[in-house]
Amino acid sequence: MQIASMAKAFAEELGDDFFLQCGGKPVGDEPYSRRMLALDGSGSQRHLAACLSAVRLSLTDRRDTVVYTRDIAVAFTAILLGKQAVYEAHKAPVGSVPARILRWLGASKRFRLVVISGVLADYYAKRYGIPDARLLVAHSGVFPGSYESLQSIPKSVLRSDLGLPLNAFIVVHTGSLYRGRGAELFEQVVRSGEDVLFVQVGGEPDDIFYWKRYYQQRGLSNIQFVDRQPSDTVRRYQVAADLLFYMITTDTPTYWCCSPLKLFEYMASGTPILGSCIGSIKEILNENNAWCFSPERPDGIRASIADFRRDTALANRKSATALQQARKKYSWGVRAQRIIDFCNEGSER
């Protein structure tokens, strides 16, 4: 989804000067995408095809082309053959070979690095010597316009359409439920009031089964699990909620450097947010745009919900701040333009 969103944003900014090659299915029917391999191709096959595509591009295209990639081997291939390459990193490199490649790339003036959090930028600067001039922090983003039509619909109408009770205090979480993510923290929300209904939307079937049984065994009936839904339906749940819940714990390997798409969706929904503010999440959520808690002190969840329910004006201010940030700072279009400007700075040197 992140790649598809950035492809759309790049295409909107660059028009015919943008072309996407991906190792799996095309991104819808967009004219800028095409299939390289069948969906049943292995990861190694898709990886090899991507590198060979970079070779072909580098040898046949004489224009001042920038190869933008999330594959370090593709960046290496492009630089080796004389192109400018931008590598987008979402975590620390895994294995000794990528680490050696990064050290080699760091010495090239034609190589640039985009990372999704400030702490990840610090990591690459200190560990691999990437200079500030060739390093850009660009958090993930959202298309805020996809929420605008929903925000004019009363919550009561959205709830009726989704089969949700009109008078309950509804807290929604959308997304994965894998172990270590912190789904056990839902209990603090569920026990925060008799009128509370917690709605979990999405997740793998096995994870839904596990957590549904987990809460049944605790005698908690005010929690619903909804199977994975299309994106437009997920947005309806987000806007229909009174409060959106975000959790992550230190058991999640990337908690220190991630930039979850869900956070920016939450912000663009205009619904207030209660979130686990640890690691790189603190770069996005704070007391100005959300209610924050530490997963190490889960009792803070109930206290935050109580504060939220006591002060409607404060809730409105925080959600308005988050919405403004989603539109002005965290839209995919803004992100794409920042990256394009970053690439142009490199070509001018």
Protein backbone atom coordinates (compact mmCIF):
# COMPACT_ATOMS: atom_id res chain seq x y z
CA MET A 1 0.00 0.00 0.00
CA GLN A 2 2.86 2.38 0.76
CA ILE A 3 4.44 1.79 -2.64
CA ALA A 4 1.09 2.13 -4.41
CA SER A 5 0.38 5.42 -2.61
CA MET A 6 3.78 6.88 -3.43
CA ALA A 7 3.47 5.76 -7.05
CA LYS A 8 0.18 7.63 -7.33
CA ALA A 9 1.65 10.73 -5.68
CA PHE A 10 4.78 10.68 -7.87
CA ALA A 11 2.65 10.26 -11.00
CA GLU A 12 0.46 13.22 -10.00
CA GLU A 13 3.57 15.38 -9.56
CA LEU A 14 5.65 14.13 -12.50
CA GLY A 15 3.14 12.95 -15.09
CA ASP A 16 4.80 11.04 -17.93
CA ASP A 17 8.20 11.48 -16.31
CA PHE A 18 7.31 8.80 -13.76
CA PHE A 19 7.19 5.08 -14.35
CA LEU A 20 6.75 2.28 -11.82
CA GLN A 21 8.14 -1.21 -12.17
CA CYS A 22 7.10 -3.59 -9.42
CA GLY A 23 7.75 -7.27 -8.82
CA GLY A 24 4.14 -8.24 -8.27
CA LYS A 25 0.73 -7.24 -9.51
CA PRO A 26 0.11 -3.89 -11.21
CA VAL A 27 -1.25 -1.10 -9.03
CA GLY A 28 -4.81 -1.10 -10.31
CA ASP A 29 -5.10 0.06 -13.92
CA GLU A 30 -2.80 3.01 -13.51
CA PRO A 31 -0.91 3.76 -16.74
CA TYR A 32 2.41 4.22 -14.92
CA SER A 33 2.60 0.65 -13.59
CA ARG A 34 3.20 -2.71 -15.19
CA ARG A 35 3.80 -6.28 -14.09
CA MET A 36 7.36 -7.63 -14.18
CA LEU A 37 6.66 -11.15 -12.95
CA ALA A 38 3.64 -13.31 -12.27
CA LEU A 39 2.26 -13.22 -8.74
CA ASP A 40 3.48 -16.76 -8.11
CA GLY A 41 7.08 -15.75 -8.78
CA SER A 42 9.33 -16.27 -5.75
CA GLY A 43 10.84 -13.41 -3.79
CA SER A 44 14.30 -14.16 -5.19
CA GLN A 45 12.92 -14.15 -8.76
CA ARG A 46 11.25 -10.77 -8.25
CA HIS A 47 14.44 -9.46 -6.64
CA LEU A 48 16.58 -10.60 -9.60
CA ALA A 49 14.08 -9.16 -12.08
CA ALA A 50 14.22 -5.79 -10.33
CA CYS A 51 18.02 -5.72 -10.53
CA LEU A 52 17.97 -6.73 -14.21
CA SER A 53 15.41 -3.99 -14.87
CA ALA A 54 17.78 -1.47 -13.29
CA VAL A 55 20.57 -2.76 -15.53
CA ARG A 56 18.39 -2.39 -18.63
CA LEU A 57 17.35 1.12 -17.65
CA SER A 58 20.89 2.20 -16.90
CA LEU A 59 22.27 0.87 -20.18
CA THR A 60 19.48 2.06 -22.51
CA ASP A 61 18.11 5.29 -21.01
CA ARG A 62 20.47 8.21 -21.56
CA ARG A 63 18.30 10.75 -19.77
CA ASP A 64 19.10 12.12 -16.32
CA THR A 65 17.03 9.37 -14.71
CA VAL A 66 16.68 8.85 -10.97
CA VAL A 67 16.12 5.29 -9.81
CA TYR A 68 13.98 5.40 -6.65
CA THR A 69 13.79 2.07 -4.85
CA ARG A 70 13.21 0.22 -1.59
CA ASP A 71 15.66 -2.48 -2.67
CA ILE A 72 19.30 -1.84 -1.74
CA ALA A 73 20.54 -4.16 -4.52
CA VAL A 74 18.66 -2.13 -7.13
CA ALA A 75 20.23 1.07 -5.78
CA PHE A 76 23.65 -0.58 -5.93
CA THR A 77 23.07 -1.70 -9.53
CA ALA A 78 21.95 1.75 -10.64
CA ILE A 79 24.90 3.53 -9.01
CA LEU A 80 27.35 0.98 -10.40
CA LEU A 81 26.06 1.73 -13.91
CA GLY A 82 26.20 5.50 -13.57
CA LYS A 83 22.66 6.51 -12.58
CA GLN A 84 21.51 8.56 -9.61
CA ALA A 85 19.78 6.31 -7.05
CA VAL A 86 17.61 7.05 -4.04
CA TYR A 87 17.08 4.25 -1.54
CA GLU A 88 14.12 4.44 0.83
CA ALA A 89 14.83 2.64 4.12
CA HIS A 90 12.14 1.59 6.60
CA LYS A 91 14.43 -0.15 9.08
CA ALA A 92 18.06 -1.02 9.72
CA PRO A 93 19.67 -3.27 7.08
CA VAL A 94 19.45 -7.00 7.73
CA GLY A 95 22.60 -9.03 7.08
CA SER A 96 26.23 -8.25 6.37
CA VAL A 97 25.89 -7.89 2.58
CA PRO A 98 23.39 -4.98 2.66
CA ALA A 99 25.54 -3.34 5.33
CA ARG A 100 28.63 -3.54 3.12
CA ILE A 101 26.66 -2.24 0.14
CA LEU A 102 25.45 0.73 2.18
CA ARG A 103 28.98 1.66 3.22
CA TRP A 104 30.02 1.60 -0.44
CA LEU A 105 26.97 3.59 -1.54
CA GLY A 106 27.53 6.16 1.19
CA ALA A 107 30.71 7.25 -0.52
CA SER A 108 28.96 8.00 -3.82
CA LYS A 109 27.68 11.50 -4.50
CA ARG A 110 25.04 9.97 -6.77
CA PHE A 111 23.47 8.08 -3.89
CA ARG A 112 20.80 9.54 -1.62
CA LEU A 113 18.86 8.06 1.25
CA VAL A 114 15.24 8.63 2.33
CA VAL A 115 14.21 7.31 5.75
CA ILE A 116 10.82 7.24 7.43
CA SER A 117 11.79 8.61 10.86
CA GLY A 118 14.28 10.93 12.51
CA VAL A 119 15.77 8.20 14.69
CA LEU A 120 16.38 6.10 11.58
CA ALA A 121 18.19 9.07 10.00
CA ASP A 122 20.42 9.33 13.07
CA TYR A 123 21.14 5.61 12.84
CA TYR A 124 22.22 5.72 9.19
CA ALA A 125 24.22 8.92 9.64
CA LYS A 126 26.20 7.53 12.58
CA ARG A 127 26.51 3.91 11.45
CA TYR A 128 27.14 4.42 7.73
CA GLY A 129 28.37 7.99 7.51
CA ILE A 130 25.60 9.25 5.22
CA PRO A 131 26.01 13.05 5.16
CA ASP A 132 23.05 15.26 6.01
CA ALA A 133 22.97 16.70 2.48
CA ARG A 134 22.17 13.25 1.08
CA LEU A 135 19.75 12.17 3.79
CA LEU A 136 16.05 13.05 3.98
CA VAL A 137 13.51 12.23 6.70
CA ALA A 138 10.09 11.66 5.14
CA HIS A 139 7.45 10.05 7.33
CA SER A 140 4.75 7.98 5.68
CA GLY A 141 1.53 9.71 4.71
CA VAL A 142 -2.10 9.68 3.68
CA PHE A 143 -4.41 11.05 0.99
CA PRO A 144 -6.49 13.42 3.19
CA GLY A 145 -9.01 13.93 0.40
CA SER A 146 -10.19 10.35 0.74
CA TYR A 147 -11.80 11.33 4.07
CA GLU A 148 -13.41 14.63 3.12
CA SER A 149 -16.75 13.29 1.88
CA LEU A 150 -17.13 11.10 4.98
CA GLN A 151 -16.53 13.99 7.36
CA SER A 152 -19.72 15.69 6.18
CA ILE A 153 -21.83 12.63 7.06
CA PRO A 154 -23.23 12.48 10.63
CA LYS A 155 -21.68 9.76 12.76
CA SER A 156 -25.16 8.39 13.41
CA VAL A 157 -25.62 7.71 9.69
CA LEU A 158 -22.23 6.03 9.39
CA ARG A 159 -22.95 3.90 12.44
CA SER A 160 -26.31 2.82 11.11
CA ASP A 161 -24.71 1.82 7.82
CA LEU A 162 -22.05 -0.20 9.66
CA GLY A 163 -24.46 -1.81 12.10
CA LEU A 164 -22.96 -0.04 15.11
CA PRO A 165 -24.99 1.15 18.12
CA LEU A 166 -25.88 4.83 18.07
CA ASN A 167 -25.57 5.54 21.78
CA ALA A 168 -22.41 3.64 22.70
CA PHE A 169 -19.02 5.24 23.25
CA ILE A 170 -17.19 3.59 20.35
CA VAL A 171 -13.43 3.11 20.27
CA VAL A 172 -11.99 1.69 17.04
CA HIS A 173 -8.69 0.10 16.13
CA THR A 174 -7.99 -0.77 12.50
CA GLY A 175 -5.18 -3.05 11.38
CA SER A 176 -3.02 -5.98 12.38
CA LEU A 177 -3.27 -8.09 15.54
CA TYR A 178 -0.03 -10.05 15.43
CA ARG A 179 1.61 -11.11 18.70
CA GLY A 180 3.75 -8.47 20.33
CA ARG A 181 1.69 -5.63 18.86
CA GLY A 182 -0.20 -5.05 22.09
CA ALA A 183 -3.77 -6.28 21.53
CA GLU A 184 -3.92 -7.20 25.20
CA LEU A 185 -4.15 -3.44 25.83
CA PHE A 186 -7.67 -3.46 24.40
CA GLU A 187 -8.79 -4.70 27.81
CA GLN A 188 -7.97 -1.35 29.41
CA VAL A 189 -10.28 0.35 26.91
CA VAL A 190 -13.05 -2.22 27.26
CA ARG A 191 -13.06 -1.86 31.06
CA SER A 192 -13.05 1.96 30.98
CA GLY A 193 -16.85 2.32 31.03
CA GLU A 194 -20.12 0.41 30.87
CA ASP A 195 -21.17 2.17 27.67
CA VAL A 196 -17.90 1.48 25.87
CA LEU A 197 -17.81 -0.66 22.72
CA PHE A 198 -14.42 -1.54 21.29
CA VAL A 199 -14.37 -2.42 17.58
CA GLN A 200 -11.35 -4.12 16.03
CA VAL A 201 -11.32 -4.02 12.22
CA GLY A 202 -8.94 -6.27 10.28
CA GLY A 203 -6.21 -8.74 11.04
CA GLU A 204 -5.34 -12.25 9.94
CA PRO A 205 -8.06 -14.89 10.58
CA ASP A 206 -5.87 -16.83 13.02
CA ASP A 207 -5.10 -13.69 15.00
CA ILE A 208 -8.77 -12.68 15.10
CA PHE A 209 -9.68 -16.15 16.38
CA TYR A 210 -6.99 -15.99 19.08
CA TRP A 211 -7.95 -12.57 20.41
CA LYS A 212 -11.67 -13.17 20.19
CA ARG A 213 -11.24 -16.23 22.40
CA TYR A 214 -8.84 -14.31 24.65
CA TYR A 215 -11.52 -11.74 25.47
CA GLN A 216 -14.32 -14.28 25.69
CA GLN A 217 -12.34 -16.11 28.36
CA ARG A 218 -12.19 -12.87 30.32
CA GLY A 219 -15.94 -12.49 30.15
CA LEU A 220 -15.78 -9.29 28.11
CA SER A 221 -18.58 -8.95 25.59
CA ASN A 222 -18.24 -5.26 24.66
CA ILE A 223 -15.58 -5.92 22.05
CA GLN A 224 -16.30 -6.75 18.41
CA PHE A 225 -13.96 -8.23 15.83
CA VAL A 226 -14.62 -7.35 12.19
CA ASP A 227 -12.85 -9.21 9.40
CA ARG A 228 -10.55 -7.35 7.02
CA GLN A 229 -12.46 -4.74 5.02
CA PRO A 230 -11.89 -2.68 1.86
CA SER A 231 -10.10 0.61 2.43
CA ASP A 232 -13.21 2.73 1.97
CA THR A 233 -15.06 0.71 4.63
CA VAL A 234 -12.12 1.01 7.02
CA ARG A 235 -12.29 4.78 6.63
CA ARG A 236 -15.99 4.72 7.49
CA TYR A 237 -15.24 2.90 10.74
CA GLN A 238 -12.53 5.43 11.57
CA VAL A 239 -14.80 8.42 11.03
CA ALA A 240 -17.75 6.78 12.81
CA ALA A 241 -15.73 6.26 16.02
CA ASP A 242 -15.64 8.53 19.05
CA LEU A 243 -11.99 7.67 19.60
CA LEU A 244 -9.31 5.83 17.61
CA PHE A 245 -6.88 3.57 19.45
CA TYR A 246 -3.29 3.00 18.39
CA MET A 247 -1.01 0.56 20.17
CA ILE A 248 2.57 -0.60 19.74
CA THR A 249 4.94 -2.10 22.32
CA THR A 250 8.67 -2.64 22.66
CA ASP A 251 8.03 -6.25 21.59
CA THR A 252 7.48 -4.93 18.06
CA PRO A 253 10.98 -5.05 16.47
CA THR A 254 10.56 -1.78 14.55
CA TYR A 255 8.87 0.25 17.30
CA TRP A 256 11.94 2.49 17.53
CA CYS A 257 11.99 3.54 13.86
CA CYS A 258 8.60 2.89 12.22
CA SER A 259 6.16 5.33 10.61
CA PRO A 260 2.83 3.45 10.46
CA LEU A 261 0.40 4.30 7.67
CA LYS A 262 -2.45 3.85 10.13
CA LEU A 263 -1.39 6.85 12.21
CA PHE A 264 -1.74 9.23 9.29
CA GLU A 265 -5.08 7.71 8.35
CA TYR A 266 -6.23 8.30 11.92
CA MET A 267 -5.06 11.92 11.76
CA ALA A 268 -6.82 12.53 8.43
CA SER A 269 -10.10 11.05 9.72
CA GLY A 270 -10.66 13.97 12.08
CA THR A 271 -11.44 11.54 14.92
CA PRO A 272 -9.52 12.01 18.20
CA ILE A 273 -6.63 9.60 18.83
CA LEU A 274 -5.40 7.71 21.89
CA GLY A 275 -1.97 6.29 21.10
CA SER A 276 1.03 4.46 22.45
CA CYS A 277 3.74 7.14 22.27
CA ILE A 278 7.04 5.27 22.32
CA GLY A 279 10.01 5.09 19.97
CA SER A 280 9.57 6.92 16.68
CA ILE A 281 5.82 7.34 17.30
CA LYS A 282 6.77 10.30 19.50
CA GLU A 283 7.87 12.08 16.33
CA ILE A 284 4.25 12.01 15.13
CA LEU A 285 1.91 11.88 18.13
CA ASN A 286 2.15 14.24 21.09
CA GLU A 287 -0.10 15.97 23.59
CA ASN A 288 -1.04 18.60 21.01
CA ASN A 289 -2.67 16.18 18.56
CA ALA A 290 -3.56 13.10 20.64
CA TRP A 291 -3.85 11.51 24.05
CA CYS A 292 -0.65 9.59 24.74
CA PHE A 293 0.12 6.63 26.97
CA SER A 294 3.01 4.27 27.64
CA PRO A 295 2.36 0.54 27.13
CA GLU A 296 4.53 -0.02 30.20
CA ARG A 297 1.84 1.78 32.22
CA PRO A 298 -1.44 0.54 30.72
CA ASP A 299 -3.49 2.09 33.54
CA GLY A 300 -2.84 5.39 31.76
CA ILE A 301 -5.23 4.28 29.03
CA ARG A 302 -8.27 4.47 31.31
CA ALA A 303 -7.13 7.79 32.74
CA SER A 304 -6.72 9.24 29.23
CA ILE A 305 -10.17 8.06 28.18
CA ALA A 306 -11.65 9.68 31.29
CA ASP A 307 -9.85 12.94 30.46
CA PHE A 308 -11.07 12.77 26.89
CA ARG A 309 -14.69 12.29 27.90
CA ARG A 310 -14.55 15.18 30.37
CA ASP A 311 -13.24 17.77 27.91
CA THR A 312 -14.96 17.85 24.53
CA ALA A 313 -13.39 21.18 23.60
CA LEU A 314 -9.88 19.81 24.14
CA ALA A 315 -10.76 16.73 22.09
CA ASN A 316 -11.89 18.94 19.22
CA ARG A 317 -8.70 21.01 19.36
CA LYS A 318 -6.46 17.96 19.31
CA SER A 319 -8.29 16.28 16.45
CA ALA A 320 -8.31 19.56 14.47
CA THR A 321 -4.54 19.85 14.96
CA ALA A 322 -4.02 16.27 13.80
CA LEU A 323 -6.21 16.84 10.75
CA GLN A 324 -4.36 20.02 9.80
CA GLN A 325 -1.01 18.19 10.12
CA ALA A 326 -2.29 15.35 7.93
CA ARG A 327 -3.27 17.84 5.23
CA LYS A 328 -0.26 20.16 5.38
CA LYS A 329 2.58 17.94 6.51
CA TYR A 330 1.77 14.26 6.02
CA SER A 331 -0.05 14.03 2.70
CA TRP A 332 1.47 11.71 0.09
CA GLY A 333 1.56 14.63 -2.34
CA VAL A 334 3.64 16.75 0.03
CA ARG A 335 5.94 13.80 0.63
CA ALA A 336 6.41 13.15 -3.08
CA GLN A 337 7.23 16.80 -3.78
CA ARG A 338 9.80 16.88 -0.96
CA ILE A 339 11.49 13.82 -2.40
CA ILE A 340 11.48 15.26 -5.92
CA ASP A 341 13.08 18.47 -4.62
CA PHE A 342 15.61 16.34 -2.74
CA CYS A 343 16.50 14.49 -5.98
CA ASN A 344 16.78 17.74 -7.92
CA GLU A 345 19.22 19.10 -5.35
CA GLY A 346 21.40 16.08 -6.05
CA SER A 347 21.32 16.57 -9.81
CA GLU A 348 22.38 20.21 -9.43
CA ARG A 349 25.57 19.35 -7.57
